[in-house]
C-alpha atoms as a PDB file:
ATOM      1  CA  MET A   1       0.069   0.254   0.196  1.00  0.00           C
ATOM      2  CA  HIS A   2       2.908   2.429   0.908  1.00  0.00           C
ATOM      3  CA  ILE A   3       4.150   2.154  -2.991  1.00  0.00           C
ATOM      4  CA  LEU A   4       0.216   3.220  -4.296  1.00  0.00           C
ATOM      5  CA  VAL A   5       0.446   5.999  -2.037  1.00  0.00           C
ATOM      6  CA  ALA A   6       4.467   7.431  -3.339  1.00  0.00           C
ATOM      7  CA  ILE A   7       2.465   6.489  -6.628  1.00  0.00           C
ATOM      8  CA  LEU A   8      -0.445   8.890  -6.257  1.00  0.00           C
ATOM      9  CA  GLY A   9       1.702  11.287  -4.676  1.00  0.00           C
ATOM     10  CA  SER A  10       3.887  11.704  -6.888  1.00  0.00           C
ATOM     11  CA  VAL A  11       1.334  11.621 -10.082  1.00  0.00           C
ATOM     12  CA  PHE A  12      -0.095  15.233  -7.693  1.00  0.00           C
ATOM     13  CA  VAL A  13       2.949  16.943  -7.943  1.00  0.00           C
ATOM     14  CA  VAL A  14       3.243  16.221 -11.497  1.00  0.00           C
ATOM     15  CA  SER A  15      -0.123  17.733 -12.000  1.00  0.00           C
ATOM     16  CA  VAL A  16       0.254  20.421  -9.779  1.00  0.00           C
ATOM     17  CA  ILE A  17       2.721  21.965 -12.399  1.00  0.00           C
ATOM     18  CA  SER A  18       0.196  22.234 -14.884  1.00  0.00           C
ATOM     19  CA  LEU A  19      -0.906  25.081 -12.338  1.00  0.00           C
ATOM     20  CA  VAL A  20       2.108  26.761 -13.706  1.00  0.00           C
ATOM     21  CA  GLY A  21       0.101  28.798 -15.814  1.00  0.00           C
ATOM     22  CA  ILE A  22      -0.911  31.061 -12.512  1.00  0.00           C
ATOM     23  CA  LEU A  23       2.210  33.258 -13.589  1.00  0.00           C
ATOM     24  CA  ALA A  24       0.213  34.700 -15.990  1.00  0.00           C
ATOM     25  CA  LEU A  25      -2.351  36.211 -13.755  1.00  0.00           C
ATOM     26  CA  ALA A  26      -0.556  39.211 -12.382  1.00  0.00           C
ATOM     27  CA  LEU A  27       0.654  40.488 -16.050  1.00  0.00           C
ATOM     28  CA  LYS A  28      -1.461  42.971 -17.761  1.00  0.00           C
ATOM     29  CA  GLU A  29      -3.092  42.261 -20.983  1.00  0.00           C
ATOM     30  CA  LYS A  30      -0.189  43.899 -23.274  1.00  0.00           C
ATOM     31  CA  MET A  31       2.124  41.806 -21.609  1.00  0.00           C
ATOM     32  CA  LEU A  32       0.418  38.723 -21.694  1.00  0.00           C
ATOM     33  CA  GLU A  33       0.088  39.290 -25.999  1.00  0.00           C
ATOM     34  CA  LYS A  34       3.774  39.177 -25.987  1.00  0.00           C
ATOM     35  CA  VAL A  35       4.464  36.078 -23.703  1.00  0.00           C
ATOM     36  CA  LEU A  36       1.553  34.641 -25.728  1.00  0.00           C
ATOM     37  CA  PHE A  37       3.742  35.243 -29.081  1.00  0.00           C
ATOM     38  CA  VAL A  38       6.739  33.630 -27.531  1.00  0.00           C
ATOM     39  CA  LEU A  39       4.182  30.474 -25.843  1.00  0.00           C
ATOM     40  CA  ILE A  40       2.768  29.705 -29.333  1.00  0.00           C
ATOM     41  CA  ALA A  41       5.944  29.260 -30.688  1.00  0.00           C
ATOM     42  CA  LEU A  42       7.469  27.518 -28.217  1.00  0.00           C
ATOM     43  CA  ALA A  43       4.278  24.797 -27.875  1.00  0.00           C
ATOM     44  CA  ALA A  44       4.673  23.978 -31.442  1.00  0.00           C
ATOM     45  CA  GLY A  45       7.989  23.107 -30.649  1.00  0.00           C
ATOM     46  CA  THR A  46       7.287  20.823 -27.438  1.00  0.00           C
ATOM     47  CA  LEU A  47       4.387  19.295 -29.163  1.00  0.00           C
ATOM     48  CA  LEU A  48       6.784  18.423 -32.025  1.00  0.00           C
ATOM     49  CA  GLY A  49       9.767  17.550 -29.789  1.00  0.00           C
ATOM     50  CA  ALA A  50       7.463  15.362 -27.677  1.00  0.00           C
ATOM     51  CA  ALA A  51       6.234  13.210 -30.163  1.00  0.00           C
ATOM     52  CA  PHE A  52       8.984  12.672 -32.861  1.00  0.00           C
ATOM     53  CA  LEU A  53      11.894  12.283 -30.089  1.00  0.00           C
ATOM     54  CA  ASP A  54       9.881  11.211 -27.013  1.00  0.00           C
ATOM     55  CA  LEU A  55       6.206   9.319 -27.669  1.00  0.00           C
ATOM     56  CA  ILE A  56       6.851   7.869 -31.046  1.00  0.00           C
ATOM     57  CA  PRO A  57      10.231   6.002 -29.983  1.00  0.00           C
ATOM     58  CA  GLU A  58       8.776   4.980 -27.149  1.00  0.00           C
ATOM     59  CA  ALA A  59       6.201   3.330 -28.816  1.00  0.00           C
ATOM     60  CA  ILE A  60       8.025   1.486 -31.598  1.00  0.00           C
ATOM     61  CA  GLU A  61      10.406   0.174 -28.460  1.00  0.00           C
ATOM     62  CA  GLU A  62       6.950  -1.183 -26.903  1.00  0.00           C
ATOM     63  CA  GLY A  63       4.972  -2.724 -30.075  1.00  0.00           C
ATOM     64  CA  GLY A  64       7.244  -2.201 -33.249  1.00  0.00           C
ATOM     65  CA  GLU A  65       7.084  -0.276 -36.220  1.00  0.00           C
ATOM     66  CA  GLY A  66       3.886  -1.141 -36.987  1.00  0.00           C
ATOM     67  CA  VAL A  67       2.629   1.596 -33.976  1.00  0.00           C
ATOM     68  CA  LEU A  68       3.192   3.840 -37.044  1.00  0.00           C
ATOM     69  CA  LEU A  69      -0.246   3.366 -37.980  1.00  0.00           C
ATOM     70  CA  TYR A  70      -1.778   4.029 -34.659  1.00  0.00           C
ATOM     71  CA  VAL A  71       0.318   7.623 -34.884  1.00  0.00           C
ATOM     72  CA  LEU A  72      -1.790   7.800 -38.614  1.00  0.00           C
ATOM     73  CA  SER A  73      -5.051   7.144 -36.508  1.00  0.00           C
ATOM     74  CA  GLY A  74      -3.936   9.701 -34.137  1.00  0.00           C
ATOM     75  CA  VAL A  75      -3.603  12.235 -36.923  1.00  0.00           C
ATOM     76  CA  VAL A  76      -6.697  11.619 -38.769  1.00  0.00           C
ATOM     77  CA  ALA A  77      -8.721  10.886 -35.200  1.00  0.00           C
ATOM     78  CA  PHE A  78      -8.296  14.836 -34.351  1.00  0.00           C
ATOM     79  CA  PHE A  79      -9.038  16.240 -37.953  1.00  0.00           C
ATOM     80  CA  ILE A  80     -12.522  14.478 -37.169  1.00  0.00           C
ATOM     81  CA  LEU A  81     -12.686  16.247 -33.612  1.00  0.00           C
ATOM     82  CA  GLU A  82     -12.036  19.363 -34.599  1.00  0.00           C
ATOM     83  CA  ARG A  83     -14.163  19.448 -38.186  1.00  0.00           C
ATOM     84  CA  PHE A  84     -16.951  17.269 -36.768  1.00  0.00           C
ATOM     85  CA  VAL A  85     -16.904  17.445 -33.223  1.00  0.00           C
ATOM     86  CA  PHE A  86     -15.298  20.640 -31.722  1.00  0.00           C
ATOM     87  CA  TRP A  87     -16.060  22.757 -34.655  1.00  0.00           C
ATOM     88  CA  HIS A  88     -17.982  25.543 -33.825  1.00  0.00           C
ATOM     89  CA  HIS A  89     -19.866  28.442 -35.997  1.00  0.00           C
ATOM     90  CA  CYS A  90     -18.136  31.638 -35.800  1.00  0.00           C
ATOM     91  CA  HIS A  91     -20.098  34.658 -35.630  1.00  0.00           C
ATOM     92  CA  GLU A  92     -19.186  38.032 -37.449  1.00  0.00           C
ATOM     93  CA  GLY A  93     -15.607  36.852 -38.202  1.00  0.00           C
ATOM     94  CA  LYS A  94     -14.748  35.383 -34.601  1.00  0.00           C
ATOM     95  CA  CYS A  95     -14.659  32.515 -32.849  1.00  0.00           C
ATOM     96  CA  ASP A  96     -15.473  32.579 -29.207  1.00  0.00           C
ATOM     97  CA  ILE A  97     -13.472  29.058 -28.068  1.00  0.00           C
ATOM     98  CA  HIS A  98     -10.546  27.878 -30.664  1.00  0.00           C
ATOM     99  CA  ALA A  99     -11.128  24.300 -32.264  1.00  0.00           C
ATOM    100  CA  PHE A 100      -7.377  23.582 -31.366  1.00  0.00           C
ATOM    101  CA  SER A 101      -8.063  24.933 -27.712  1.00  0.00           C
ATOM    102  CA  TYR A 102     -10.268  21.565 -27.172  1.00  0.00           C
ATOM    103  CA  LEU A 103      -8.029  19.322 -29.013  1.00  0.00           C
ATOM    104  CA  ASN A 104      -5.114  20.513 -27.295  1.00  0.00           C
ATOM    105  CA  LEU A 105      -7.066  19.025 -24.061  1.00  0.00           C
ATOM    106  CA  VAL A 106      -7.528  15.675 -25.639  1.00  0.00           C
ATOM    107  CA  GLY A 107      -4.205  14.884 -26.457  1.00  0.00           C
ATOM    108  CA  ASP A 108      -3.039  16.730 -23.286  1.00  0.00           C
ATOM    109  CA  GLY A 109      -5.456  14.197 -21.431  1.00  0.00           C
ATOM    110  CA  VAL A 110      -3.908  11.480 -23.264  1.00  0.00           C
ATOM    111  CA  HIS A 111      -0.290  12.298 -22.772  1.00  0.00           C
ATOM    112  CA  ASN A 112      -0.988  12.638 -18.836  1.00  0.00           C
ATOM    113  CA  PHE A 113      -2.595   8.987 -18.920  1.00  0.00           C
ATOM    114  CA  ILE A 114       0.084   7.343 -20.236  1.00  0.00           C
ATOM    115  CA  ASP A 115       2.810   9.839 -17.407  1.00  0.00           C
ATOM    116  CA  GLY A 116       0.654   8.277 -14.568  1.00  0.00           C
ATOM    117  CA  MET A 117       0.850   4.586 -16.334  1.00  0.00           C
ATOM    118  CA  VAL A 118       4.736   5.589 -16.472  1.00  0.00           C
ATOM    119  CA  ILE A 119       5.271   6.445 -12.820  1.00  0.00           C
ATOM    120  CA  ALA A 120       2.972   3.347 -11.604  1.00  0.00           C
ATOM    121  CA  ALA A 121       5.086   1.036 -13.498  1.00  0.00           C
ATOM    122  CA  ALA A 122       8.656   2.648 -12.538  1.00  0.00           C
ATOM    123  CA  TYR A 123       7.000   2.738  -9.191  1.00  0.00           C
ATOM    124  CA  LEU A 124       6.318  -1.072  -8.999  1.00  0.00           C
ATOM    125  CA  THR A 125       9.995  -1.618 -10.461  1.00  0.00           C
ATOM    126  CA  SER A 126      11.064   0.108  -7.586  1.00  0.00           C
ATOM    127  CA  VAL A 127      10.927   2.715  -5.704  1.00  0.00           C
ATOM    128  CA  PRO A 128      14.558   5.155  -7.153  1.00  0.00           C
ATOM    129  CA  VAL A 129      13.217   3.990 -10.310  1.00  0.00           C
ATOM    130  CA  GLY A 130       9.452   5.603  -9.985  1.00  0.00           C
ATOM    131  CA  VAL A 131      11.649   9.044  -7.871  1.00  0.00           C
ATOM    132  CA  ILE A 132      13.820   9.040 -11.649  1.00  0.00           C
ATOM    133  CA  ALA A 133      10.781   8.433 -13.492  1.00  0.00           C
ATOM    134  CA  THR A 134       8.729  11.545 -11.700  1.00  0.00           C
ATOM    135  CA  ILE A 135      11.643  13.727 -12.274  1.00  0.00           C
ATOM    136  CA  ALA A 136      12.066  13.316 -15.546  1.00  0.00           C
ATOM    137  CA  ILE A 137       8.422  13.863 -16.373  1.00  0.00           C
ATOM    138  CA  ILE A 138       8.253  16.886 -14.311  1.00  0.00           C
ATOM    139  CA  ALA A 139      11.436  18.031 -16.126  1.00  0.00           C
ATOM    140  CA  HIS A 140       9.611  17.243 -19.260  1.00  0.00           C
ATOM    141  CA  GLU A 141       5.843  18.843 -18.249  1.00  0.00           C
ATOM    142  CA  ILE A 142       7.092  22.389 -17.331  1.00  0.00           C
ATOM    143  CA  PRO A 143       7.846  23.626 -21.136  1.00  0.00           C
ATOM    144  CA  GLN A 144       4.844  21.503 -22.343  1.00  0.00           C
ATOM    145  CA  GLU A 145       2.406  22.649 -19.820  1.00  0.00           C
ATOM    146  CA  ILE A 146       3.499  26.632 -20.509  1.00  0.00           C
ATOM    147  CA  GLY A 147       2.882  25.725 -23.872  1.00  0.00           C
ATOM    148  CA  ASP A 148      -0.853  24.259 -22.921  1.00  0.00           C
ATOM    149  CA  PHE A 149      -1.000  27.375 -21.169  1.00  0.00           C
ATOM    150  CA  GLY A 150      -0.714  29.629 -23.942  1.00  0.00           C
ATOM    151  CA  ILE A 151      -2.346  27.431 -26.474  1.00  0.00           C
ATOM    152  CA  LEU A 152      -5.494  27.816 -24.666  1.00  0.00           C
ATOM    153  CA  VAL A 153      -5.619  31.653 -23.581  1.00  0.00           C
ATOM    154  CA  TYR A 154      -4.994  31.931 -27.510  1.00  0.00           C
ATOM    155  CA  GLY A 155      -7.640  29.941 -28.460  1.00  0.00           C
ATOM    156  CA  GLY A 156     -10.145  32.020 -26.553  1.00  0.00           C
ATOM    157  CA  PHE A 157     -10.182  30.680 -22.578  1.00  0.00           C
ATOM    158  CA  SER A 158      -9.858  33.005 -19.963  1.00  0.00           C
ATOM    159  CA  ARG A 159      -6.643  32.784 -17.843  1.00  0.00           C
ATOM    160  CA  LEU A 160      -9.084  31.270 -14.943  1.00  0.00           C
ATOM    161  CA  LYS A 161     -10.720  28.427 -17.326  1.00  0.00           C
ATOM    162  CA  ALA A 162      -7.335  28.018 -18.925  1.00  0.00           C
ATOM    163  CA  LEU A 163      -5.526  27.073 -15.657  1.00  0.00           C
ATOM    164  CA  PHE A 164      -8.715  24.879 -14.367  1.00  0.00           C
ATOM    165  CA  TYR A 165      -9.511  23.434 -17.356  1.00  0.00           C
ATOM    166  CA  ASN A 166      -5.165  22.673 -17.877  1.00  0.00           C
ATOM    167  CA  PHE A 167      -5.300  20.848 -14.484  1.00  0.00           C
ATOM    168  CA  LEU A 168      -8.306  18.461 -14.920  1.00  0.00           C
ATOM    169  CA  SER A 169      -6.264  17.496 -18.014  1.00  0.00           C
ATOM    170  CA  ALA A 170      -3.184  16.726 -15.795  1.00  0.00           C
ATOM    171  CA  VAL A 171      -6.001  14.723 -13.371  1.00  0.00           C
ATOM    172  CA  THR A 172      -6.347  12.068 -15.968  1.00  0.00           C
ATOM    173  CA  ALA A 173      -2.806  10.856 -14.674  1.00  0.00           C
ATOM    174  CA  PHE A 174      -4.667   9.679 -11.807  1.00  0.00           C
ATOM    175  CA  ALA A 175      -6.786   7.245 -13.711  1.00  0.00           C
ATOM    176  CA  GLY A 176      -3.780   5.993 -15.651  1.00  0.00           C
ATOM    177  CA  ALA A 177      -1.369   5.600 -12.431  1.00  0.00           C
ATOM    178  CA  ILE A 178      -4.449   3.539 -10.739  1.00  0.00           C
ATOM    179  CA  LEU A 179      -5.301   1.353 -13.552  1.00  0.00           C
ATOM    180  CA  THR A 180      -1.372   0.450 -14.074  1.00  0.00           C
ATOM    181  CA  TYR A 181      -1.139  -0.378  -9.997  1.00  0.00           C
ATOM    182  CA  PHE A 182      -3.872  -2.472 -10.114  1.00  0.00           C
ATOM    183  CA  PHE A 183      -4.002  -3.821 -13.829  1.00  0.00           C
ATOM    184  CA  ALA A 184      -0.563  -3.465 -14.788  1.00  0.00           C
ATOM    185  CA  PRO A 185      -0.218  -7.112 -16.443  1.00  0.00           C
ATOM    186  CA  TYR A 186      -3.247  -7.095 -18.621  1.00  0.00           C
ATOM    187  CA  ILE A 187      -2.553  -3.071 -19.897  1.00  0.00           C
ATOM    188  CA  GLU A 188       1.256  -3.178 -21.120  1.00  0.00           C
ATOM    189  CA  SER A 189       0.510  -4.061 -24.777  1.00  0.00           C
ATOM    190  CA  SER A 190      -1.809  -1.380 -24.380  1.00  0.00           C
ATOM    191  CA  VAL A 191       0.927   1.513 -23.780  1.00  0.00           C
ATOM    192  CA  SER A 192       2.387   1.529 -27.356  1.00  0.00           C
ATOM    193  CA  VAL A 193      -0.906   2.146 -28.459  1.00  0.00           C
ATOM    194  CA  LEU A 194      -1.579   5.202 -26.389  1.00  0.00           C
ATOM    195  CA  LEU A 195       1.763   6.776 -26.966  1.00  0.00           C
ATOM    196  CA  ALA A 196       1.657   6.303 -30.609  1.00  0.00           C
ATOM    197  CA  PHE A 197      -2.045   8.023 -30.736  1.00  0.00           C
ATOM    198  CA  ALA A 198      -0.997  11.069 -28.345  1.00  0.00           C
ATOM    199  CA  ALA A 199       1.836  11.113 -30.582  1.00  0.00           C
ATOM    200  CA  GLY A 200      -0.625  11.594 -33.986  1.00  0.00           C
ATOM    201  CA  GLY A 201      -2.319  13.993 -31.785  1.00  0.00           C
ATOM    202  CA  PHE A 202       0.760  16.136 -31.068  1.00  0.00           C
ATOM    203  CA  ILE A 203       1.465  16.207 -34.444  1.00  0.00           C
ATOM    204  CA  TYR A 204      -1.368  17.340 -35.438  1.00  0.00           C
ATOM    205  CA  ILE A 205      -1.977  19.967 -33.360  1.00  0.00           C
ATOM    206  CA  ALA A 206       1.131  21.520 -33.898  1.00  0.00           C
ATOM    207  CA  THR A 207       1.602  21.428 -37.835  1.00  0.00           C
ATOM    208  CA  ALA A 208      -2.478  21.976 -38.645  1.00  0.00           C
ATOM    209  CA  ASP A 209      -3.481  24.667 -35.782  1.00  0.00           C
ATOM    210  CA  LEU A 210      -0.297  26.336 -34.352  1.00  0.00           C
ATOM    211  CA  MET A 211       1.782  26.263 -37.269  1.00  0.00           C
ATOM    212  CA  PRO A 212      -0.625  28.158 -39.397  1.00  0.00           C
ATOM    213  CA  GLU A 213      -0.918  30.475 -36.834  1.00  0.00           C
ATOM    214  CA  LEU A 214       2.957  30.938 -36.767  1.00  0.00           C
ATOM    215  CA  ARG A 215       2.971  32.021 -40.823  1.00  0.00           C
ATOM    216  CA  LYS A 216       0.088  34.687 -39.885  1.00  0.00           C
ATOM    217  CA  GLU A 217       3.084  36.864 -38.706  1.00  0.00           C
ATOM    218  CA  LEU A 218       4.396  38.897 -41.516  1.00  0.00           C
ATOM    219  CA  GLU A 219       7.334  41.045 -39.742  1.00  0.00           C
ATOM    220  CA  ILE A 220      10.270  38.802 -40.869  1.00  0.00           C
ATOM    221  CA  LYS A 221      12.322  39.745 -37.438  1.00  0.00           C
ATOM    222  CA  ARG A 222       9.316  38.526 -35.545  1.00  0.00           C
ATOM    223  CA  SER A 223       9.072  35.705 -37.756  1.00  0.00           C
ATOM    224  CA  PHE A 224      12.941  35.071 -36.923  1.00  0.00           C
ATOM    225  CA  ILE A 225      12.175  34.941 -33.242  1.00  0.00           C
ATOM    226  CA  GLN A 226       9.499  32.539 -33.709  1.00  0.00           C
ATOM    227  CA  LEU A 227      11.584  29.830 -35.798  1.00  0.00           C
ATOM    228  CA  ALA A 228      14.129  30.265 -32.593  1.00  0.00           C
ATOM    229  CA  LEU A 229      11.313  29.882 -29.872  1.00  0.00           C
ATOM    230  CA  LEU A 230       9.783  26.904 -31.880  1.00  0.00           C
ATOM    231  CA  ILE A 231      13.813  25.141 -32.338  1.00  0.00           C
ATOM    232  CA  LEU A 232      14.096  26.140 -28.682  1.00  0.00           C
ATOM    233  CA  GLY A 233      11.051  23.907 -27.874  1.00  0.00           C
ATOM    234  CA  ILE A 234      11.895  21.073 -29.533  1.00  0.00           C
ATOM    235  CA  GLY A 235      15.390  21.251 -27.970  1.00  0.00           C
ATOM    236  CA  ILE A 236      14.608  21.527 -24.420  1.00  0.00           C
ATOM    237  CA  ILE A 237      12.110  18.039 -24.743  1.00  0.00           C
ATOM    238  CA  TRP A 238      15.847  16.816 -26.845  1.00  0.00           C
ATOM    239  CA  ALA A 239      17.704  18.002 -23.835  1.00  0.00           C
ATOM    240  CA  VAL A 240      15.637  16.380 -21.035  1.00  0.00           C
ATOM    241  CA  ILE A 241      15.453  12.696 -22.544  1.00  0.00           C
ATOM    242  CA  ARG A 242      18.832  12.903 -23.339  1.00  0.00           C
ATOM    243  CA  LEU A 243      19.646  13.664 -19.551  1.00  0.00           C
ATOM    244  CA  PHE A 244      17.172  10.879 -18.375  1.00  0.00           C
ATOM    245  CA  GLU A 245      17.435   8.490 -20.879  1.00  0.00           C
END
């Protein structure tokens, strides 16, 4: 039972990281706009980095190259969600909440569910492995959760609602951890599928929704800044993976 307590404690710490956006509550509107300019480019980079450098290699290691079909399925599924489920009629040329905000919550929810599974599986191996896995996930989550908050605010959520829904998405990690703790032998084969599906979702959000937003920037200097931030987001994920490989 003490292992379960350690698992849930670690998941709680990781979930609290989703509230990092609380720092933005003190920002004035003009300053927040400048911050969002940074966060959207950074978020696109972290999503692509997480998908191509972390989730897909892990999925292939777990389930072989056949899981690439599930990556493709994730891309298609998120397209369907955006076009037929989360699509909103726009009034007078404006949408209150953009569909990609909801897509990000879905993708992040799946990702956090997997994080919970990873933490539980690590602790079931040994406590030191569980602690290392938790530290690695925290390091990985900080830049991504900052980006997720930026996506939600940019997509139309108020700052408070963005914080709340981002935290709600993070709580799915508890479900993943508890499920793994009690049913680890039965769900091991599904991990690679979830990893691949989440990767497909992240790729879709980054390439279909965020990068087109970056292309709206017409000033060449700001475009170079966005490119640098995009690469920085990828680089942060790569560095974290290498550090805790």
